[in-house]
Structure formats: structure tokens, C-alpha cells
Amino acid sequence: MIAGVPVSAVPDAEAELGRLHDVGARAALVAPPAYFPMTESEVEAFYCRLADSSPLPLVLYNIPAFTRVPVPAHMVGRLASHPNVVGLKDSSRDLEYLQTAVGAVRNAAAEDFRIYTGTDTMLVASSLAGADGSIAASANLVPELGVQILSLVSTDLLRAVELQRQLAGIVASCRRGTAPSGWKAALSLLGLCTPAPVPPALPLPEDAIDQLRRELAGTIPLEPAETGATG
């Protein structure tokens, strides 16, 4: 279990990391604080402080579209040398960045450090660029498809690309509304949860959920329409 840790203040994050350790999390996914701009040196100092004090190993999270604070690739190489920094999730959708981060980690000889893409639609490309795997929304809905794609990259690339196109269609269907409302709606069609995201985000309207059901029909085993979602 890799738990996401939203950070607004370092002392609060340190307390949250302690609680997550106590309940059995194995690592923590941590993005830089997003409220104020941060210099590169501040980002690195932030991660070093958390890594020094955290009872859990840290996975760096580069998602500049949301945080507006990038985690530079050369910094990933330096942080990979810290014994309590074990990985990177990259959701930048930037293959040049991903490839540079892979090279920086290899130059640092951090053999146990792992790099994951957060972009479902780029599993093949990211794997070819050197990523070790993925932490992505579609793994909640169609985990077997992502696993199959990544396992085929080295054995049957054409088939992997074919399945990547299939996954891209599923992802496009689930990118409705304010994230993650489309994904919650899709999971509700499997009977796994309700379609409601955490407020203030709103669930998809019923007509959008019906359209999502039609698009996903035949791709994943949906709950019957009259049954609706549970729990």
C-alpha cells in the first residue's frame, strides 16, 4: 500500500506519515506543496527533510499540471541516493522528462529506485523509455489490461500497442467531469463504490453515466443498469 500524502505544511505531513506507518502503509507518495511557488533548492530541501524524518519510504510525485511545482529530473537523480527515497511517479506526460529522470537515476547507481508513469495512455512509450511500471487510475478499473500491456512490451510490442489503444479508449471515456468523477462513475458501474467523489467535486449527471455505460459495454463486466451501484 502506497498512500498519497497531500502536503500544505511540513509538520502536518510528518504527522500524517507517522499515522500512515502505524496503520500499515508500506510507502508514501508525496508531491511538493502547491499553494506557494517553490524554488528548486526549496523543493529538494523539502524532500530531504521529509525523507530524513519519515518512518515510511517516500515516492516522489511529479505532477506539475496540478502543483505548478516540478520535480526536476536531475534532482530525482540526487534524491535517489537517499536511502529513504525509493521511487518516482511521473504524471507530467513528458517523455523527455521521463527519459532524463531514468538516466539521472542510473547515473546515481540507485539500483533499487523505481520510476513509474502516472499516464495510462503512455504505458508502452514510458516502458520503452525506461519506466519500471505504472501507478495510474485505470488500474482501479481494468488492472489486468495495464499488466498485460507492460508484460508484452518486451515480448510482443505490436500486441502491446494494440492493447494500449484499447486502454486509451477506456481512459478517454472515463475522463469526464471534474477528475476523478468519471473514474468514480465507471467504478460504480462495476458495483465497487458510489459515483460520488469527495466534495466539493460533483458526481457525473445521470445522462453522462448512461453514456459512459454505453461506451464501456463489452469492454468491462458492468453491473446491470437496473441494479445500480452499491456501497
C-alpha atoms as a PDB file:
ATOM      1  CA  MET A   1       0.000   0.000   0.000  1.00  0.00           C
ATOM      2  CA  ILE A   2       1.480   3.317  -1.140  1.00  0.00           C
ATOM      3  CA  ALA A   3      -0.525   6.096   0.495  1.00  0.00           C
ATOM      4  CA  GLY A   4      -0.870   9.556  -1.037  1.00  0.00           C
ATOM      5  CA  VAL A   5       0.114  12.375   1.316  1.00  0.00           C
ATOM      6  CA  PRO A   6      -1.173  15.865   0.450  1.00  0.00           C
ATOM      7  CA  VAL A   7       1.163  18.479   1.865  1.00  0.00           C
ATOM      8  CA  SER A   8       0.410  22.052   2.862  1.00  0.00           C
ATOM      9  CA  ALA A   9       2.841  22.273   5.802  1.00  0.00           C
ATOM     10  CA  VAL A  10       5.795  20.025   6.588  1.00  0.00           C
ATOM     11  CA  PRO A  11       4.909  19.387  10.276  1.00  0.00           C
ATOM     12  CA  ASP A  12       1.433  18.203   9.231  1.00  0.00           C
ATOM     13  CA  ALA A  13       2.957  15.933   6.598  1.00  0.00           C
ATOM     14  CA  GLU A  14       5.361  14.468   9.130  1.00  0.00           C
ATOM     15  CA  ALA A  15       2.460  13.720  11.468  1.00  0.00           C
ATOM     16  CA  GLU A  16       0.473  12.116   8.628  1.00  0.00           C
ATOM     17  CA  LEU A  17       3.436   9.942   7.656  1.00  0.00           C
ATOM     18  CA  GLY A  18       3.621   8.709  11.234  1.00  0.00           C
ATOM     19  CA  ARG A  19      -0.074   7.812  11.260  1.00  0.00           C
ATOM     20  CA  LEU A  20       0.198   6.000   7.924  1.00  0.00           C
ATOM     21  CA  HIS A  21       3.134   3.990   9.210  1.00  0.00           C
ATOM     22  CA  ASP A  22       1.135   2.993  12.278  1.00  0.00           C
ATOM     23  CA  VAL A  23      -1.777   1.644  10.209  1.00  0.00           C
ATOM     24  CA  GLY A  24       0.473  -0.418   7.933  1.00  0.00           C
ATOM     25  CA  ALA A  25       1.230   1.611   4.799  1.00  0.00           C
ATOM     26  CA  ARG A  26       4.424   0.493   3.057  1.00  0.00           C
ATOM     27  CA  ALA A  27       5.410   3.796   1.416  1.00  0.00           C
ATOM     28  CA  ALA A  28       4.091   7.307   0.813  1.00  0.00           C
ATOM     29  CA  LEU A  29       3.546   9.163  -2.469  1.00  0.00           C
ATOM     30  CA  VAL A  30       4.390  12.822  -1.887  1.00  0.00           C
ATOM     31  CA  ALA A  31       4.056  15.771  -4.258  1.00  0.00           C
ATOM     32  CA  PRO A  32       5.534  19.181  -3.436  1.00  0.00           C
ATOM     33  CA  PRO A  33       3.218  21.678  -1.701  1.00  0.00           C
ATOM     34  CA  ALA A  34       1.201  23.516  -4.322  1.00  0.00           C
ATOM     35  CA  TYR A  35      -0.039  26.699  -2.647  1.00  0.00           C
ATOM     36  CA  PHE A  36       3.116  28.834  -2.867  1.00  0.00           C
ATOM     37  CA  PRO A  37       5.752  28.771  -5.639  1.00  0.00           C
ATOM     38  CA  MET A  38       8.941  26.943  -4.627  1.00  0.00           C
ATOM     39  CA  THR A  39      12.486  27.262  -5.904  1.00  0.00           C
ATOM     40  CA  GLU A  40      14.395  24.159  -6.940  1.00  0.00           C
ATOM     41  CA  SER A  41      16.520  24.298  -3.796  1.00  0.00           C
ATOM     42  CA  GLU A  42      13.378  24.555  -1.646  1.00  0.00           C
ATOM     43  CA  VAL A  43      11.843  21.507  -3.356  1.00  0.00           C
ATOM     44  CA  GLU A  44      14.984  19.473  -2.703  1.00  0.00           C
ATOM     45  CA  ALA A  45      15.207  20.665   0.918  1.00  0.00           C
ATOM     46  CA  PHE A  46      11.541  19.765   1.395  1.00  0.00           C
ATOM     47  CA  TYR A  47      12.060  16.189   0.231  1.00  0.00           C
ATOM     48  CA  CYS A  48      15.298  15.776   2.181  1.00  0.00           C
ATOM     49  CA  ARG A  49      13.645  16.899   5.410  1.00  0.00           C
ATOM     50  CA  LEU A  50      10.701  14.548   4.954  1.00  0.00           C
ATOM     51  CA  ALA A  51      12.950  11.655   3.945  1.00  0.00           C
ATOM     52  CA  ASP A  52      15.173  12.194   6.989  1.00  0.00           C
ATOM     53  CA  SER A  53      12.226  12.115   9.406  1.00  0.00           C
ATOM     54  CA  SER A  54       9.696   9.799   7.735  1.00  0.00           C
ATOM     55  CA  PRO A  55       9.113   6.303   9.109  1.00  0.00           C
ATOM     56  CA  LEU A  56       7.945   5.370   5.588  1.00  0.00           C
ATOM     57  CA  PRO A  57       9.957   5.314   2.364  1.00  0.00           C
ATOM     58  CA  LEU A  58       8.988   8.162   0.026  1.00  0.00           C
ATOM     59  CA  VAL A  59       7.939   8.035  -3.622  1.00  0.00           C
ATOM     60  CA  LEU A  60       8.446  11.415  -5.305  1.00  0.00           C
ATOM     61  CA  TYR A  61       5.436  12.685  -7.259  1.00  0.00           C
ATOM     62  CA  ASN A  62       5.994  14.897 -10.295  1.00  0.00           C
ATOM     63  CA  ILE A  63       2.622  16.295 -11.382  1.00  0.00           C
ATOM     64  CA  PRO A  64       3.300  19.910 -12.365  1.00  0.00           C
ATOM     65  CA  ALA A  65      -0.047  20.387 -14.111  1.00  0.00           C
ATOM     66  CA  PHE A  66      -1.677  20.342 -10.661  1.00  0.00           C
ATOM     67  CA  THR A  67       1.069  21.512  -8.302  1.00  0.00           C
ATOM     68  CA  ARG A  68       2.777  24.040 -10.629  1.00  0.00           C
ATOM     69  CA  VAL A  69       5.949  22.873  -8.878  1.00  0.00           C
ATOM     70  CA  PRO A  70       8.049  20.465 -10.982  1.00  0.00           C
ATOM     71  CA  VAL A  71      10.476  17.940  -9.543  1.00  0.00           C
ATOM     72  CA  PRO A  72      13.457  18.402 -11.903  1.00  0.00           C
ATOM     73  CA  ALA A  73      14.881  15.227 -13.437  1.00  0.00           C
ATOM     74  CA  HIS A  74      18.433  15.933 -12.269  1.00  0.00           C
ATOM     75  CA  MET A  75      17.093  16.385  -8.727  1.00  0.00           C
ATOM     76  CA  VAL A  76      15.450  12.968  -8.948  1.00  0.00           C
ATOM     77  CA  GLY A  77      18.906  11.530  -9.540  1.00  0.00           C
ATOM     78  CA  ARG A  78      20.282  13.228  -6.439  1.00  0.00           C
ATOM     79  CA  LEU A  79      17.331  12.282  -4.239  1.00  0.00           C
ATOM     80  CA  ALA A  80      17.508   8.677  -5.466  1.00  0.00           C
ATOM     81  CA  SER A  81      20.716   8.364  -3.450  1.00  0.00           C
ATOM     82  CA  HIS A  82      18.817   8.997  -0.202  1.00  0.00           C
ATOM     83  CA  PRO A  83      18.129   5.642   1.483  1.00  0.00           C
ATOM     84  CA  ASN A  84      14.545   6.644   2.301  1.00  0.00           C
ATOM     85  CA  VAL A  85      13.595   7.841  -1.213  1.00  0.00           C
ATOM     86  CA  VAL A  86      12.640   4.776  -3.240  1.00  0.00           C
ATOM     87  CA  GLY A  87      10.820   5.905  -6.355  1.00  0.00           C
ATOM     88  CA  LEU A  88       9.217   8.470  -8.632  1.00  0.00           C
ATOM     89  CA  LYS A  89       5.721   8.694 -10.043  1.00  0.00           C
ATOM     90  CA  ASP A  90       5.810  10.928 -13.107  1.00  0.00           C
ATOM     91  CA  SER A  91       2.493  12.360 -14.298  1.00  0.00           C
ATOM     92  CA  SER A  92       3.978  15.094 -16.463  1.00  0.00           C
ATOM     93  CA  ARG A  93       3.145  13.297 -19.750  1.00  0.00           C
ATOM     94  CA  ASP A  94       6.597  14.418 -20.864  1.00  0.00           C
ATOM     95  CA  LEU A  95       8.646  11.538 -22.294  1.00  0.00           C
ATOM     96  CA  GLU A  96      11.783  13.663 -22.483  1.00  0.00           C
ATOM     97  CA  TYR A  97      11.490  14.330 -18.749  1.00  0.00           C
ATOM     98  CA  LEU A  98      10.889  10.655 -18.004  1.00  0.00           C
ATOM     99  CA  GLN A  99      13.842   9.532 -20.098  1.00  0.00           C
ATOM    100  CA  THR A 100      16.104  12.130 -18.451  1.00  0.00           C
ATOM    101  CA  ALA A 101      14.993  11.030 -14.973  1.00  0.00           C
ATOM    102  CA  VAL A 102      15.748   7.409 -15.855  1.00  0.00           C
ATOM    103  CA  GLY A 103      19.226   8.425 -16.964  1.00  0.00           C
ATOM    104  CA  ALA A 104      19.809  10.511 -13.837  1.00  0.00           C
ATOM    105  CA  VAL A 105      18.856   7.596 -11.588  1.00  0.00           C
ATOM    106  CA  ARG A 106      21.120   5.216 -13.498  1.00  0.00           C
ATOM    107  CA  ASN A 107      23.993   7.682 -13.213  1.00  0.00           C
ATOM    108  CA  ALA A 108      23.389   7.772  -9.468  1.00  0.00           C
ATOM    109  CA  ALA A 109      23.682   3.959  -9.383  1.00  0.00           C
ATOM    110  CA  ALA A 110      20.455   3.786  -7.353  1.00  0.00           C
ATOM    111  CA  GLU A 111      19.647   0.208  -8.325  1.00  0.00           C
ATOM    112  CA  ASP A 112      16.602  -0.177  -6.063  1.00  0.00           C
ATOM    113  CA  PHE A 113      14.977   3.109  -7.106  1.00  0.00           C
ATOM    114  CA  ARG A 114      11.871   2.654  -9.279  1.00  0.00           C
ATOM    115  CA  ILE A 115      10.289   5.019 -11.808  1.00  0.00           C
ATOM    116  CA  TYR A 116       6.577   4.769 -12.579  1.00  0.00           C
ATOM    117  CA  THR A 117       4.464   6.587 -15.114  1.00  0.00           C
ATOM    118  CA  GLY A 118       1.157   8.024 -13.961  1.00  0.00           C
ATOM    119  CA  THR A 119      -0.184   8.259 -17.519  1.00  0.00           C
ATOM    120  CA  ASP A 120      -2.352   5.305 -18.551  1.00  0.00           C
ATOM    121  CA  THR A 121      -2.236   6.244 -22.235  1.00  0.00           C
ATOM    122  CA  MET A 122       1.573   6.128 -22.368  1.00  0.00           C
ATOM    123  CA  LEU A 123       2.383   2.755 -20.812  1.00  0.00           C
ATOM    124  CA  VAL A 124       4.141   1.413 -23.904  1.00  0.00           C
ATOM    125  CA  ALA A 125       6.088   4.605 -24.581  1.00  0.00           C
ATOM    126  CA  SER A 126       7.051   5.015 -20.926  1.00  0.00           C
ATOM    127  CA  SER A 127       8.202   1.412 -20.637  1.00  0.00           C
ATOM    128  CA  LEU A 128      10.348   1.779 -23.739  1.00  0.00           C
ATOM    129  CA  ALA A 129      11.816   4.967 -22.221  1.00  0.00           C
ATOM    130  CA  GLY A 130      12.869   3.008 -19.140  1.00  0.00           C
ATOM    131  CA  ALA A 131       9.973   3.217 -16.682  1.00  0.00           C
ATOM    132  CA  ASP A 132       9.579   0.274 -14.319  1.00  0.00           C
ATOM    133  CA  GLY A 133       5.786   0.275 -14.227  1.00  0.00           C
ATOM    134  CA  SER A 134       2.773   2.461 -13.594  1.00  0.00           C
ATOM    135  CA  ILE A 135       0.652   3.965 -10.845  1.00  0.00           C
ATOM    136  CA  ALA A 136      -2.455   5.014 -12.747  1.00  0.00           C
ATOM    137  CA  ALA A 137      -6.198   5.480 -12.376  1.00  0.00           C
ATOM    138  CA  SER A 138      -7.095   2.726 -14.842  1.00  0.00           C
ATOM    139  CA  ALA A 139      -5.506   0.136 -12.542  1.00  0.00           C
ATOM    140  CA  ASN A 140      -8.595   0.511 -10.341  1.00  0.00           C
ATOM    141  CA  LEU A 141     -10.906  -0.314 -13.251  1.00  0.00           C
ATOM    142  CA  VAL A 142      -9.012  -2.655 -15.612  1.00  0.00           C
ATOM    143  CA  PRO A 143      -5.830  -3.707 -13.766  1.00  0.00           C
ATOM    144  CA  GLU A 144      -5.318  -6.772 -15.935  1.00  0.00           C
ATOM    145  CA  LEU A 145      -5.122  -4.641 -19.086  1.00  0.00           C
ATOM    146  CA  GLY A 146      -2.268  -2.476 -17.818  1.00  0.00           C
ATOM    147  CA  VAL A 147      -0.398  -5.522 -16.526  1.00  0.00           C
ATOM    148  CA  GLN A 148      -0.787  -7.245 -19.894  1.00  0.00           C
ATOM    149  CA  ILE A 149       0.450  -4.202 -21.807  1.00  0.00           C
ATOM    150  CA  LEU A 150       3.562  -3.824 -19.690  1.00  0.00           C
ATOM    151  CA  SER A 151       4.365  -7.534 -19.802  1.00  0.00           C
ATOM    152  CA  LEU A 152       4.073  -7.602 -23.610  1.00  0.00           C
ATOM    153  CA  VAL A 153       6.342  -4.632 -24.307  1.00  0.00           C
ATOM    154  CA  SER A 154       9.437  -6.830 -24.288  1.00  0.00           C
ATOM    155  CA  THR A 155       7.852  -9.889 -25.941  1.00  0.00           C
ATOM    156  CA  ASP A 156       5.185  -8.722 -28.403  1.00  0.00           C
ATOM    157  CA  LEU A 157       5.365  -4.986 -28.983  1.00  0.00           C
ATOM    158  CA  LEU A 158       2.699  -4.900 -31.700  1.00  0.00           C
ATOM    159  CA  ARG A 159       0.183  -6.595 -29.411  1.00  0.00           C
ATOM    160  CA  ALA A 160       1.157  -4.245 -26.576  1.00  0.00           C
ATOM    161  CA  VAL A 161       0.460  -1.254 -28.844  1.00  0.00           C
ATOM    162  CA  GLU A 162      -2.887  -2.745 -29.849  1.00  0.00           C
ATOM    163  CA  LEU A 163      -3.915  -3.134 -26.213  1.00  0.00           C
ATOM    164  CA  GLN A 164      -2.608   0.349 -25.454  1.00  0.00           C
ATOM    165  CA  ARG A 165      -5.100   1.722 -27.988  1.00  0.00           C
ATOM    166  CA  GLN A 166      -7.870  -0.218 -26.245  1.00  0.00           C
ATOM    167  CA  LEU A 167      -6.840   1.220 -22.894  1.00  0.00           C
ATOM    168  CA  ALA A 168      -6.670   4.719 -24.370  1.00  0.00           C
ATOM    169  CA  GLY A 169     -10.320   4.390 -25.395  1.00  0.00           C
ATOM    170  CA  ILE A 170     -11.317   3.411 -21.859  1.00  0.00           C
ATOM    171  CA  VAL A 171      -9.326   6.306 -20.407  1.00  0.00           C
ATOM    172  CA  ALA A 172     -10.940   8.781 -22.820  1.00  0.00           C
ATOM    173  CA  SER A 173     -14.386   7.595 -21.745  1.00  0.00           C
ATOM    174  CA  CYS A 174     -13.523   7.997 -18.060  1.00  0.00           C
ATOM    175  CA  ARG A 175     -12.090  11.496 -18.405  1.00  0.00           C
ATOM    176  CA  ARG A 176     -15.493  13.076 -17.921  1.00  0.00           C
ATOM    177  CA  GLY A 177     -16.393  15.802 -15.496  1.00  0.00           C
ATOM    178  CA  THR A 178     -14.019  17.026 -12.830  1.00  0.00           C
ATOM    179  CA  ALA A 179     -11.447  14.364 -12.034  1.00  0.00           C
ATOM    180  CA  PRO A 180     -11.957  11.833 -10.627  1.00  0.00           C
ATOM    181  CA  SER A 181     -15.743  11.862 -11.117  1.00  0.00           C
ATOM    182  CA  GLY A 182     -15.539   9.954 -14.409  1.00  0.00           C
ATOM    183  CA  TRP A 183     -13.445   7.228 -12.831  1.00  0.00           C
ATOM    184  CA  LYS A 184     -15.746   7.028  -9.794  1.00  0.00           C
ATOM    185  CA  ALA A 185     -18.728   6.665 -12.134  1.00  0.00           C
ATOM    186  CA  ALA A 186     -17.004   3.855 -14.032  1.00  0.00           C
ATOM    187  CA  LEU A 187     -16.181   2.048 -10.787  1.00  0.00           C
ATOM    188  CA  SER A 188     -19.796   2.436  -9.688  1.00  0.00           C
ATOM    189  CA  LEU A 189     -20.826   0.589 -12.867  1.00  0.00           C
ATOM    190  CA  LEU A 190     -18.775  -2.345 -11.588  1.00  0.00           C
ATOM    191  CA  GLY A 191     -20.596  -2.187  -8.268  1.00  0.00           C
ATOM    192  CA  LEU A 192     -17.415  -1.221  -6.402  1.00  0.00           C
ATOM    193  CA  CYS A 193     -18.446   2.157  -4.962  1.00  0.00           C
ATOM    194  CA  THR A 194     -20.858   5.029  -5.404  1.00  0.00           C
ATOM    195  CA  PRO A 195     -20.261   7.537  -8.248  1.00  0.00           C
ATOM    196  CA  ALA A 196     -19.824  10.420  -5.784  1.00  0.00           C
ATOM    197  CA  PRO A 197     -16.321  11.908  -5.429  1.00  0.00           C
ATOM    198  CA  VAL A 198     -15.202  13.735  -2.311  1.00  0.00           C
ATOM    199  CA  PRO A 199     -16.869  17.201  -2.100  1.00  0.00           C
ATOM    200  CA  PRO A 200     -16.699  19.822  -3.435  1.00  0.00           C
ATOM    201  CA  ALA A 201     -16.355  17.803  -6.683  1.00  0.00           C
ATOM    202  CA  LEU A 202     -19.733  16.692  -8.023  1.00  0.00           C
ATOM    203  CA  PRO A 203     -20.704  13.293  -9.448  1.00  0.00           C
ATOM    204  CA  LEU A 204     -21.450  12.943 -13.136  1.00  0.00           C
ATOM    205  CA  PRO A 205     -25.085  13.573 -14.070  1.00  0.00           C
ATOM    206  CA  GLU A 206     -27.162  10.500 -14.848  1.00  0.00           C
ATOM    207  CA  ASP A 207     -27.145  11.064 -18.606  1.00  0.00           C
ATOM    208  CA  ALA A 208     -23.344  11.195 -18.618  1.00  0.00           C
ATOM    209  CA  ILE A 209     -23.187   7.975 -16.577  1.00  0.00           C
ATOM    210  CA  ASP A 210     -25.565   6.316 -19.064  1.00  0.00           C
ATOM    211  CA  GLN A 211     -23.322   7.395 -21.933  1.00  0.00           C
ATOM    212  CA  LEU A 212     -20.289   6.070 -20.066  1.00  0.00           C
ATOM    213  CA  ARG A 213     -22.071   2.747 -19.588  1.00  0.00           C
ATOM    214  CA  ARG A 214     -22.730   2.505 -23.328  1.00  0.00           C
ATOM    215  CA  GLU A 215     -19.105   3.261 -24.178  1.00  0.00           C
ATOM    216  CA  LEU A 216     -17.699   0.733 -21.713  1.00  0.00           C
ATOM    217  CA  ALA A 217     -20.205  -2.029 -22.530  1.00  0.00           C
ATOM    218  CA  GLY A 218     -18.438  -5.030 -23.979  1.00  0.00           C
ATOM    219  CA  THR A 219     -15.088  -3.870 -22.593  1.00  0.00           C
ATOM    220  CA  ILE A 220     -15.575  -4.475 -18.890  1.00  0.00           C
ATOM    221  CA  PRO A 221     -18.214  -6.522 -16.980  1.00  0.00           C
ATOM    222  CA  LEU A 222     -20.724  -3.906 -15.840  1.00  0.00           C
ATOM    223  CA  GLU A 223     -23.474  -4.178 -13.258  1.00  0.00           C
ATOM    224  CA  PRO A 224     -26.954  -4.456 -14.803  1.00  0.00           C
ATOM    225  CA  ALA A 225     -28.456  -0.997 -15.385  1.00  0.00           C
ATOM    226  CA  GLU A 226     -31.437  -1.627 -13.131  1.00  0.00           C
ATOM    227  CA  THR A 227     -29.221  -2.692 -10.229  1.00  0.00           C
ATOM    228  CA  GLY A 228     -27.133   0.477  -9.977  1.00  0.00           C
ATOM    229  CA  ALA A 229     -24.103   0.907  -7.801  1.00  0.00           C
ATOM    230  CA  THR A 230     -23.652  -0.410  -4.305  1.00  0.00           C
ATOM    231  CA  GLY A 231     -21.843   0.837  -1.282  1.00  0.00           C
END
